[in-house]
Amino acid sequence: MSTAVRGRTPLLPRWLTADHPLPWLAPMFAMILAFGIYPLAYSIWLSLHQRNRFTRVDEFSGLANWVQAFGDQRFIDSLLVTVQYTLTCLVFQVVLGIAIALLLDCERRGYGLLRALMTLPLVVPPAVTGLMFLLMQDGQFGVLSYYLKLVGLVSPEAPILANPRTALWGVMAADIWQWTPFMVLILLAGLRALPKEPYEAAAIDGAGFLQCLWHLTLPMLSRVIAVAVLIRTIDLFRIYDYVYAMTAGGPGTATETLSFYAGRVFGVANFNYAATLSLIMLVVLNVVCFTFLKLARVRF
């Protein structure tokens, strides 16, 4: 009986019962190849070719698309808008995130519910958030426009999203509202992990709240802040949803970000130039993130 059991054919294939990790890693490698390496390689190939308008065939053009991009004033303007959008949202989200996280770092009754409610904006689709802020900033019945007019910050003749000077701020307001809770949750988790002994020693020495914040909390929280900033930088630099839902890049090109401009170029079937713009955005983002990691001394 034991001999028959020992000689029975296993139900699973032999490669599934082996100790080698390659069979288990193969699906992941296939996904990386299909959705990562191949699209990147194809984009590079597209950026080195141009479509012949008569034969409808891609012909090798070298760096012509890259030269065209750096001579394209609209590309330069969209890059500047993207940088302004990213830096402004980062400053507001980090400052508000630290402030709100410090307020919610409490064990009193009700604060757990407040921390749970902070996750609600994160589950709203960005396009829905954009449409919501579009209505709130409407020049006729928008609640934000109404109160901003009362305090004199917005002119009744120039609605927020119709004024080139304020349109980008209107789009950034939606982003700041939705993603500040993300910063709060990460920083709150970092605050909960900080040791208590340095604060007890500082309290004995008579240090105040601001002194503890500047000399203890922020230095010990610097790695967490750096990781949160890195994640948000990557997300902000490729912003598309809010711009599409609220302004479509207008008025004029006042809110046209680099990813939105690349999408417009792609929409008119200029795939080669659109691939070039996307690759430039990828290169710029990688350089910024690599430099930030070196300056912040963050290791993964």
Foldseek 3Di string as FASTA:
>chain_A
DVVVVVPDDDPDDPVVVDPDCVVVCVVVVVCCVVPPVVVLVVLVVLLQWFQDPPVRDTDGNGNPLVVVLVVDVLNVLQAVLLVVLLVVLLVLLQVLLVVVLVVLLDDDPPSVVVLVVLCVLQPDPLLVLLLVLLQLQDLPDRVVNVVCVVVPNDDSVATQCRDLVRNSVSLSVSVNSRCSSVSNVLLNVQVVPDDDVVVVVCVVVPDDPVRCVVPPSCVSCLQSSLVVSLVSSVVSSLDDNNCVNRHLCDPVNSNNHLNSVLVVCVVVVRSSSSSSSVVVSVVVSVVVSVVSCVVSVHDD
